[in-house]
Each structure stands twice: as structure tokens, then as C-alpha cells.
Amino acid sequence: MPAQLAPGQRPVLLVIVDTEGEFAWDQPFNRSAIGTTSIASQPLMHARVFDEFGILPTYMVDWPVATTPGAVATLRRLLDAKRCEIGAHLHPWVSPPYEEALSDFNSYGGNLPRQLEYDKLRLLTETIADAFGRQPLAFKAGRYGLGPHTAESIASLGYEVDASVVPYSAFTEDGGPDFRTFDEHPFWFQAGRRELLELPVTTGYCGWLRHVGPRLYDLAQRRWARRLRRGGAGSYTQQTLPTKREVFI
């Protein structure tokens, strides 16, 4: 069911920050890549941007951040000052229990066996709650890796919001989810016995070619086109819209 603002209410900007351990995306997945030194500089973003525009970001925290005292202290000060919110971000390769082999396929949490994905989510949720003194209510899957059991698992753990859907996009080449049938509009959906709010990444097609955007996207995802980086050349046909914005650190 669509989630809509009340009549006459002004648009709402939601800023989500993927707050995760430091590692190189062009390298193999590595459970030792858990640096968090960049978190110490995050208050500068508040001083120079967020505070000036009255933005209250939600930091989606992964396991390395939630278990590093210095990173927790930095974010906890912002949280206690009511300058941010804290959510959860599951990168399964650095989040215990470590039972799966490291691979592209297993880097999408939703591809893991149901119980293993749940156990990782439960440990991450409990650790964030202990570190920050409150239960995280918003979740974003690392690599947007939703699976058939993810929604029911996060609902059972007390989450109210998911922000993992990337409209008009697919990550199927290495085993990820396919979101090409979704658009950028928020919606309510049933997860087990609870209803959750989905806040998709705000993405849309614009420009002269916007009406053929989905077909061009599919073409750009073919292996030969990816080698030639045709997706980057055609990215002008996509644009972030003013209802929700992702910010990465």
C-alpha cells in the first residue's frame, strides 16, 4: 500500500548514511577489513552541512562500527545531542556468526540460509542496542541484499523501516536481488504479522531518454556493455529526486 504524506504537508527529506567498516570494493571480501578511522571526522559533516540545514541523518551502522569504542563514542555523542538517529546495516562477511564461505553470492545477506541471516541480524541488532542505548528501528541491507526471509526476520527483531530497495536496478550478475519492478515511492508492506514501511532509494529516469530508461538500463547491464562502462555513459538518464537522498561515508 502506498505511503503518502498528509494533504498539504511539505516534502520530507530523509538522509541515510551507510556507516560501515573501511574496505576497498575492488578487492575480495575480507573479514579483517574493519577499520573505522573515518568515523571520527563525521561531526564535521554536521557542523558544515547537517546542522545548517536542519538535517537529522540516520546512520546505518554495521558490525565493525558498532563494536569499535571510538566509532561508537563519536556517534553516541551525536545521538545523545539529538543530532542523528541510529539504524542497522548488515554486511554479512564482517558480521558474526562466521559460518558461510566468503563469496560474491554470500555477500548478499538475503542469499544466506534463513537461520544464519537471522542470527547475524539478531547479533547486530543486540550489539547496536547495547552500544547506543536504544533499539534500532531502521534497517538497510548491505549491498541492498534483501532475500526471501529478510523482511520477516527484521520485523521479528522490532524494526519498523526498511531502506534496501533500489528502484529500476538489478544486482543479479553476481547473485543479488532484482528491483527493476519497483519505483521510488515509499510503501507499506506485510512482513509476517507486522507491517513495515519501505523507503526505497530515490532514483528515477529523466531527460530525453527517460521513457526508454528501463530498456537502456537492461542493455547497459550486459557483460560487453559493463566492460565498456556503458552504464556510466548513460547515467545522465537517471536522477535523484527530492524526496529521499542517500549519503555515503
Foldseek 3Di string as FASTA:
>chain_A
DFDDDDPPDDFDEAEEEAQAFDDDPVDFDDLVRLHRVCLQCVVVCCVPPCVVVVHAYEYAYEDSQLPDVVSLVSVLVCVVVSRYHYAHEYQPCNFDPPDDDGDLQVRQLQSDPLVRSLVRVLVRQVSNCVSNVHGHQEYEYVVLRHHPQVLLSVVVVRHAEYASAAELDAPPPRNGGGRPVDAQTWDWDDHPPDIHIYGYQAKAFDDPCRVCVSVQNVVCPDPVNVVVVVCVVPVNRMDGDRRYHYDYD
